[in-house]
């Protein structure tokens, strides 16, 4: 999988950013993870992520916003 193009960062067509992809419940905190089946991004609540670790990957390939910070400066 190539991570240098926009197609690598598409969300699953049934994903909604305000609810968990797995349980469809609204959650105070949702994480963006990569679903192994299809390699598309989805939002998951922490409980579903822990209960289905074999189906999802943490995605750390996207660049962080902003620049590096240096608290000593």
PDB file of N, CA and C in Angstrom:
ATOM      1  N   UNK A   1       0.839  -1.181   0.000  1.00  0.00           N
ATOM      2  CA  UNK A   1       0.000   0.000   0.000  1.00  0.00           C
ATOM      3  C   UNK A   1       0.881   1.239   0.000  1.00  0.00           C
ATOM      4  N   UNK A   2       0.554   2.175  -0.854  1.00  0.00           N
ATOM      5  CA  UNK A   2       1.305   3.416  -0.934  1.00  0.00           C
ATOM      6  C   UNK A   2       0.632   4.460  -0.056  1.00  0.00           C
ATOM      7  N   UNK A   3       1.417   5.111   0.783  1.00  0.00           N
ATOM      8  CA  UNK A   3       0.870   6.105   1.697  1.00  0.00           C
ATOM      9  C   UNK A   3       1.168   7.532   1.239  1.00  0.00           C
ATOM     10  N   UNK A   4       1.639   7.687   0.020  1.00  0.00           N
ATOM     11  CA  UNK A   4       2.011   9.022  -0.431  1.00  0.00           C
ATOM     12  C   UNK A   4       0.971   9.647  -1.353  1.00  0.00           C
ATOM     13  N   UNK A   5      -0.236   9.081  -1.411  1.00  0.00           N
ATOM     14  CA  UNK A   5      -1.277   9.685  -2.234  1.00  0.00           C
ATOM     15  C   UNK A   5      -2.576   9.793  -1.445  1.00  0.00           C
ATOM     16  N   UNK A   6      -3.455  10.644  -1.895  1.00  0.00           N
ATOM     17  CA  UNK A   6      -4.707  10.924  -1.196  1.00  0.00           C
ATOM     18  C   UNK A   6      -5.620   9.710  -1.119  1.00  0.00           C
ATOM     19  N   UNK A   7      -5.548   8.799  -2.076  1.00  0.00           N
ATOM     20  CA  UNK A   7      -6.409   7.619  -2.063  1.00  0.00           C
ATOM     21  C   UNK A   7      -6.141   6.733  -0.849  1.00  0.00           C
ATOM     22  N   UNK A   8      -4.954   6.844  -0.272  1.00  0.00           N
ATOM     23  CA  UNK A   8      -4.615   6.050   0.907  1.00  0.00           C
ATOM     24  C   UNK A   8      -5.315   6.550   2.162  1.00  0.00           C
ATOM     25  N   UNK A   9      -5.923   7.718   2.091  1.00  0.00           N
ATOM     26  CA  UNK A   9      -6.534   8.324   3.273  1.00  0.00           C
ATOM     27  C   UNK A   9      -8.034   8.498   3.121  1.00  0.00           C
ATOM     28  N   UNK A  10      -8.655   7.642   2.332  1.00  0.00           N
ATOM     29  CA  UNK A  10     -10.096   7.702   2.149  1.00  0.00           C
ATOM     30  C   UNK A  10     -10.799   6.977   3.288  1.00  0.00           C
ATOM     31  N   UNK A  11     -11.927   7.540   3.703  1.00  0.00           N
ATOM     32  CA  UNK A  11     -12.732   6.901   4.735  1.00  0.00           C
ATOM     33  C   UNK A  11     -13.709   5.932   4.091  1.00  0.00           C
ATOM     34  N   UNK A  12     -14.046   4.894   4.824  1.00  0.00           N
ATOM     35  CA  UNK A  12     -15.017   3.910   4.380  1.00  0.00           C
ATOM     36  C   UNK A  12     -16.334   4.625   4.088  1.00  0.00           C
ATOM     37  N   UNK A  13     -17.038   4.211   3.055  1.00  0.00           N
ATOM     38  CA  UNK A  13     -18.275   4.891   2.643  1.00  0.00           C
ATOM     39  C   UNK A  13     -19.357   4.864   3.717  1.00  0.00           C
ATOM     40  N   UNK A  14     -19.323   3.895   4.639  1.00  0.00           N
ATOM     41  CA  UNK A  14     -20.332   3.806   5.695  1.00  0.00           C
ATOM     42  C   UNK A  14     -19.866   4.428   7.013  1.00  0.00           C
ATOM     43  N   UNK A  15     -18.693   5.047   7.008  1.00  0.00           N
ATOM     44  CA  UNK A  15     -18.173   5.683   8.213  1.00  0.00           C
ATOM     45  C   UNK A  15     -18.796   7.057   8.394  1.00  0.00           C
ATOM     46  N   UNK A  16     -19.085   7.403   9.649  1.00  0.00           N
ATOM     47  CA  UNK A  16     -19.572   8.733  10.008  1.00  0.00           C
ATOM     48  C   UNK A  16     -18.681   9.269  11.114  1.00  0.00           C
ATOM     49  N   UNK A  17     -18.191  10.490  10.982  1.00  0.00           N
ATOM     50  CA  UNK A  17     -17.235  11.009  11.964  1.00  0.00           C
ATOM     51  C   UNK A  17     -17.814  11.255  13.354  1.00  0.00           C
ATOM     52  N   UNK A  18     -19.135  11.182  13.521  1.00  0.00           N
ATOM     53  CA  UNK A  18     -19.733  11.438  14.828  1.00  0.00           C
ATOM     54  C   UNK A  18     -20.187  10.177  15.555  1.00  0.00           C
ATOM     55  N   UNK A  19     -19.907   8.990  14.986  1.00  0.00           N
ATOM     56  CA  UNK A  19     -20.278   7.751  15.670  1.00  0.00           C
ATOM     57  C   UNK A  19     -19.301   6.629  15.312  1.00  0.00           C
ATOM     58  N   UNK A  20     -19.287   5.620  16.151  1.00  0.00           N
ATOM     59  CA  UNK A  20     -18.383   4.492  15.987  1.00  0.00           C
ATOM     60  C   UNK A  20     -18.794   3.647  14.783  1.00  0.00           C
ATOM     61  N   UNK A  21     -17.834   3.286  13.966  1.00  0.00           N
ATOM     62  CA  UNK A  21     -18.085   2.456  12.788  1.00  0.00           C
ATOM     63  C   UNK A  21     -18.593   1.073  13.175  1.00  0.00           C
ATOM     64  N   UNK A  22     -18.101   0.508  14.275  1.00  0.00           N
ATOM     65  CA  UNK A  22     -18.450  -0.864  14.659  1.00  0.00           C
ATOM     66  C   UNK A  22     -19.795  -0.955  15.381  1.00  0.00           C
ATOM     67  N   UNK A  23     -20.026  -0.086  16.374  1.00  0.00           N
ATOM     68  CA  UNK A  23     -21.248  -0.204  17.178  1.00  0.00           C
ATOM     69  C   UNK A  23     -22.285   0.870  16.847  1.00  0.00           C
ATOM     70  N   UNK A  24     -21.923   1.846  16.031  1.00  0.00           N
ATOM     71  CA  UNK A  24     -22.813   2.923  15.578  1.00  0.00           C
ATOM     72  C   UNK A  24     -23.300   3.832  16.709  1.00  0.00           C
ATOM     73  N   UNK A  25     -22.646   3.771  17.851  1.00  0.00           N
ATOM     74  CA  UNK A  25     -23.018   4.632  18.971  1.00  0.00           C
ATOM     75  C   UNK A  25     -22.208   5.921  18.944  1.00  0.00           C
ATOM     76  N   UNK A  26     -22.820   6.997  19.400  1.00  0.00           N
ATOM     77  CA  UNK A  26     -22.074   8.236  19.595  1.00  0.00           C
ATOM     78  C   UNK A  26     -21.135   8.021  20.765  1.00  0.00           C
ATOM     79  N   UNK A  27     -19.960   8.528  20.661  1.00  0.00           N
ATOM     80  CA  UNK A  27     -18.983   8.375  21.738  1.00  0.00           C
ATOM     81  C   UNK A  27     -18.300   9.710  21.979  1.00  0.00           C
ATOM     82  N   UNK A  28     -17.925   9.933  23.221  1.00  0.00           N
ATOM     83  CA  UNK A  28     -17.229  11.171  23.563  1.00  0.00           C
ATOM     84  C   UNK A  28     -15.887  11.249  22.843  1.00  0.00           C
ATOM     85  N   UNK A  29     -15.258  10.099  22.681  1.00  0.00           N
ATOM     86  CA  UNK A  29     -13.936  10.053  22.040  1.00  0.00           C
ATOM     87  C   UNK A  29     -13.954   8.987  20.957  1.00  0.00           C
ATOM     88  N   UNK A  30     -13.593   9.368  19.754  1.00  0.00           N
ATOM     89  CA  UNK A  30     -13.473   8.428  18.639  1.00  0.00           C
ATOM     90  C   UNK A  30     -12.059   8.496  18.092  1.00  0.00           C
ATOM     91  N   UNK A  31     -11.531   7.361  17.715  1.00  0.00           N
ATOM     92  CA  UNK A  31     -10.193   7.304  17.135  1.00  0.00           C
ATOM     93  C   UNK A  31     -10.292   6.929  15.674  1.00  0.00           C
ATOM     94  N   UNK A  32      -9.413   7.471  14.878  1.00  0.00           N
ATOM     95  CA  UNK A  32      -9.349   7.115  13.462  1.00  0.00           C
ATOM     96  C   UNK A  32      -8.346   5.986  13.318  1.00  0.00           C
ATOM     97  N   UNK A  33      -8.826   4.870  12.768  1.00  0.00           N
ATOM     98  CA  UNK A  33      -7.989   3.687  12.563  1.00  0.00           C
ATOM     99  C   UNK A  33      -8.212   3.172  11.146  1.00  0.00           C
ATOM    100  N   UNK A  34      -7.343   2.283  10.727  1.00  0.00           N
ATOM    101  CA  UNK A  34      -7.457   1.694   9.394  1.00  0.00           C
ATOM    102  C   UNK A  34      -8.076   0.302   9.517  1.00  0.00           C
ATOM    103  N   UNK A  35      -9.147   0.081   8.804  1.00  0.00           N
ATOM    104  CA  UNK A  35      -9.801  -1.225   8.782  1.00  0.00           C
ATOM    105  C   UNK A  35      -9.004  -2.133   7.856  1.00  0.00           C
ATOM    106  N   UNK A  36      -8.581  -3.279   8.338  1.00  0.00           N
ATOM    107  CA  UNK A  36      -7.735  -4.182   7.546  1.00  0.00           C
ATOM    108  C   UNK A  36      -8.465  -4.625   6.283  1.00  0.00           C
ATOM    109  N   UNK A  37      -9.750  -4.938   6.394  1.00  0.00           N
ATOM    110  CA  UNK A  37     -10.536  -5.317   5.217  1.00  0.00           C
ATOM    111  C   UNK A  37     -10.775  -4.060   4.389  1.00  0.00           C
ATOM    112  N   UNK A  38     -10.073  -3.912   3.314  1.00  0.00           N
ATOM    113  CA  UNK A  38     -10.225  -2.767   2.428  1.00  0.00           C
ATOM    114  C   UNK A  38      -9.246  -1.633   2.677  1.00  0.00           C
ATOM    115  N   UNK A  39      -8.564  -1.636   3.824  1.00  0.00           N
ATOM    116  CA  UNK A  39      -7.546  -0.647   4.184  1.00  0.00           C
ATOM    117  C   UNK A  39      -8.061   0.802   4.141  1.00  0.00           C
ATOM    118  N   UNK A  40      -9.323   0.998   4.467  1.00  0.00           N
ATOM    119  CA  UNK A  40      -9.882   2.350   4.512  1.00  0.00           C
ATOM    120  C   UNK A  40      -9.969   2.804   5.967  1.00  0.00           C
ATOM    121  N   UNK A  41      -9.993   4.112   6.176  1.00  0.00           N
ATOM    122  CA  UNK A  41     -10.059   4.681   7.511  1.00  0.00           C
ATOM    123  C   UNK A  41     -11.485   4.674   8.040  1.00  0.00           C
ATOM    124  N   UNK A  42     -11.613   4.513   9.359  1.00  0.00           N
ATOM    125  CA  UNK A  42     -12.907   4.546  10.035  1.00  0.00           C
ATOM    126  C   UNK A  42     -12.729   5.162  11.418  1.00  0.00           C
ATOM    127  N   UNK A  43     -13.839   5.597  12.011  1.00  0.00           N
ATOM    128  CA  UNK A  43     -13.845   6.103  13.380  1.00  0.00           C
ATOM    129  C   UNK A  43     -14.318   4.983  14.304  1.00  0.00           C
ATOM    130  N   UNK A  44     -13.582   4.747  15.401  1.00  0.00           N
ATOM    131  CA  UNK A  44     -13.955   3.717  16.372  1.00  0.00           C
ATOM    132  C   UNK A  44     -13.904   4.281  17.780  1.00  0.00           C
ATOM    133  N   UNK A  45     -14.828   3.809  18.619  1.00  0.00           N
ATOM    134  CA  UNK A  45     -14.761   4.146  20.036  1.00  0.00           C
ATOM    135  C   UNK A  45     -13.684   3.249  20.662  1.00  0.00           C
ATOM    136  N   UNK A  46     -13.117   3.653  21.786  1.00  0.00           N
ATOM    137  CA  UNK A  46     -12.055   2.846  22.408  1.00  0.00           C
ATOM    138  C   UNK A  46     -12.483   1.418  22.733  1.00  0.00           C
ATOM    139  N   UNK A  47     -13.707   1.222  23.179  1.00  0.00           N
ATOM    140  CA  UNK A  47     -14.171  -0.118  23.536  1.00  0.00           C
ATOM    141  C   UNK A  47     -14.196  -1.047  22.323  1.00  0.00           C
ATOM    142  N   UNK A  48     -14.721  -0.565  21.210  1.00  0.00           N
ATOM    143  CA  UNK A  48     -14.758  -1.396  19.993  1.00  0.00           C
ATOM    144  C   UNK A  48     -13.360  -1.683  19.477  1.00  0.00           C
ATOM    145  N   UNK A  49     -12.467  -0.714  19.572  1.00  0.00           N
ATOM    146  CA  UNK A  49     -11.092  -0.952  19.129  1.00  0.00           C
ATOM    147  C   UNK A  49     -10.470  -2.071  19.956  1.00  0.00           C
ATOM    148  N   UNK A  50     -10.640  -2.030  21.274  1.00  0.00           N
ATOM    149  CA  UNK A  50     -10.069  -3.076  22.125  1.00  0.00           C
ATOM    150  C   UNK A  50     -10.718  -4.430  21.883  1.00  0.00           C
ATOM    151  N   UNK A  51     -12.008  -4.438  21.583  1.00  0.00           N
ATOM    152  CA  UNK A  51     -12.716  -5.693  21.367  1.00  0.00           C
ATOM    153  C   UNK A  51     -12.477  -6.295  19.983  1.00  0.00           C
ATOM    154  N   UNK A  52     -11.918  -5.509  19.050  1.00  0.00           N
ATOM    155  CA  UNK A  52     -11.727  -5.971  17.670  1.00  0.00           C
ATOM    156  C   UNK A  52     -10.331  -5.622  17.144  1.00  0.00           C
ATOM    157  N   UNK A  53      -9.332  -5.756  17.982  1.00  0.00           N
ATOM    158  CA  UNK A  53      -7.963  -5.397  17.589  1.00  0.00           C
ATOM    159  C   UNK A  53      -7.485  -6.125  16.338  1.00  0.00           C
ATOM    160  N   UNK A  54      -7.973  -7.333  16.114  1.00  0.00           N
ATOM    161  CA  UNK A  54      -7.508  -8.111  14.962  1.00  0.00           C
ATOM    162  C   UNK A  54      -8.059  -7.585  13.636  1.00  0.00           C
ATOM    163  N   UNK A  55      -9.015  -6.649  13.680  1.00  0.00           N
ATOM    164  CA  UNK A  55      -9.640  -6.132  12.463  1.00  0.00           C
ATOM    165  C   UNK A  55      -9.178  -4.736  12.066  1.00  0.00           C
ATOM    166  N   UNK A  56      -8.383  -4.075  12.937  1.00  0.00           N
ATOM    167  CA  UNK A  56      -8.020  -2.674  12.699  1.00  0.00           C
ATOM    168  C   UNK A  56      -6.544  -2.436  12.968  1.00  0.00           C
ATOM    169  N   UNK A  57      -6.016  -1.429  12.304  1.00  0.00           N
ATOM    170  CA  UNK A  57      -4.626  -1.005  12.493  1.00  0.00           C
ATOM    171  C   UNK A  57      -4.603   0.458  12.913  1.00  0.00           C
ATOM    172  N   UNK A  58      -3.714   0.798  13.835  1.00  0.00           N
ATOM    173  CA  UNK A  58      -3.502   2.206  14.128  1.00  0.00           C
ATOM    174  C   UNK A  58      -2.773   2.806  12.939  1.00  0.00           C
ATOM    175  N   UNK A  59      -3.203   3.962  12.498  1.00  0.00           N
ATOM    176  CA  UNK A  59      -2.616   4.583  11.312  1.00  0.00           C
ATOM    177  C   UNK A  59      -1.779   5.779  11.750  1.00  0.00           C
ATOM    178  N   UNK A  60      -0.483   5.646  11.673  1.00  0.00           N
ATOM    179  CA  UNK A  60       0.403   6.749  12.023  1.00  0.00           C
ATOM    180  C   UNK A  60       1.178   7.248  10.803  1.00  0.00           C
ATOM    181  N   UNK A  61       0.607   7.057   9.626  1.00  0.00           N
ATOM    182  CA  UNK A  61       1.309   7.439   8.403  1.00  0.00           C
ATOM    183  C   UNK A  61       1.021   8.864   7.978  1.00  0.00           C
ATOM    184  N   UNK A  62      -0.037   9.474   8.521  1.00  0.00           N
ATOM    185  CA  UNK A  62      -0.370  10.832   8.115  1.00  0.00           C
ATOM    186  C   UNK A  62       0.507  11.832   8.841  1.00  0.00           C
ATOM    187  N   UNK A  63       0.914  12.894   8.183  1.00  0.00           N
ATOM    188  CA  UNK A  63       1.762  13.889   8.843  1.00  0.00           C
ATOM    189  C   UNK A  63       0.974  14.638   9.920  1.00  0.00           C
ATOM    190  N   UNK A  64       1.660  15.018  10.964  1.00  0.00           N
ATOM    191  CA  UNK A  64       1.056  15.795  12.039  1.00  0.00           C
ATOM    192  C   UNK A  64       0.877  17.228  11.566  1.00  0.00           C
ATOM    193  N   UNK A  65      -0.189  17.868  11.995  1.00  0.00           N
ATOM    194  CA  UNK A  65      -0.417  19.271  11.659  1.00  0.00           C
ATOM    195  C   UNK A  65       0.541  20.171  12.411  1.00  0.00           C
ATOM    196  N   UNK A  66       0.811  21.326  11.856  1.00  0.00           N
ATOM    197  CA  UNK A  66       1.728  22.268  12.504  1.00  0.00           C
ATOM    198  C   UNK A  66       3.154  21.808  12.379  1.00  0.00           C
ATOM    199  N   UNK A  67       4.014  22.573  12.940  1.00  0.00           N
ATOM    200  CA  UNK A  67       5.441  22.245  12.893  1.00  0.00           C
ATOM    201  C   UNK A  67       5.896  21.650  14.206  1.00  0.00           C
ATOM    202  N   UNK A  68       7.143  21.299  14.274  1.00  0.00           N
ATOM    203  CA  UNK A  68       7.660  20.755  15.516  1.00  0.00           C
ATOM    204  C   UNK A  68       7.646  21.830  16.610  1.00  0.00           C
ATOM    205  N   UNK A  69       7.375  21.399  17.806  1.00  0.00           N
ATOM    206  CA  UNK A  69       7.371  22.337  18.922  1.00  0.00           C
ATOM    207  C   UNK A  69       8.564  22.075  19.812  1.00  0.00           C
ATOM    208  N   UNK A  70       9.050  23.120  20.396  1.00  0.00           N
ATOM    209  CA  UNK A  70      10.187  23.002  21.292  1.00  0.00           C
ATOM    210  C   UNK A  70       9.861  23.795  22.543  1.00  0.00           C
ATOM    211  N   UNK A  71       9.475  23.118  23.636  1.00  0.00           N
ATOM    212  CA  UNK A  71       9.098  23.836  24.842  1.00  0.00           C
ATOM    213  C   UNK A  71      10.246  24.596  25.481  1.00  0.00           C
ATOM    214  N   UNK A  72      11.495  24.266  25.144  1.00  0.00           N
ATOM    215  CA  UNK A  72      12.642  24.946  25.723  1.00  0.00           C
ATOM    216  C   UNK A  72      12.914  26.297  25.091  1.00  0.00           C
ATOM    217  N   UNK A  73      12.285  26.599  23.961  1.00  0.00           N
ATOM    218  CA  UNK A  73      12.602  27.856  23.284  1.00  0.00           C
ATOM    219  C   UNK A  73      11.729  28.985  23.753  1.00  0.00           C
TER     220      UNK A  73
END
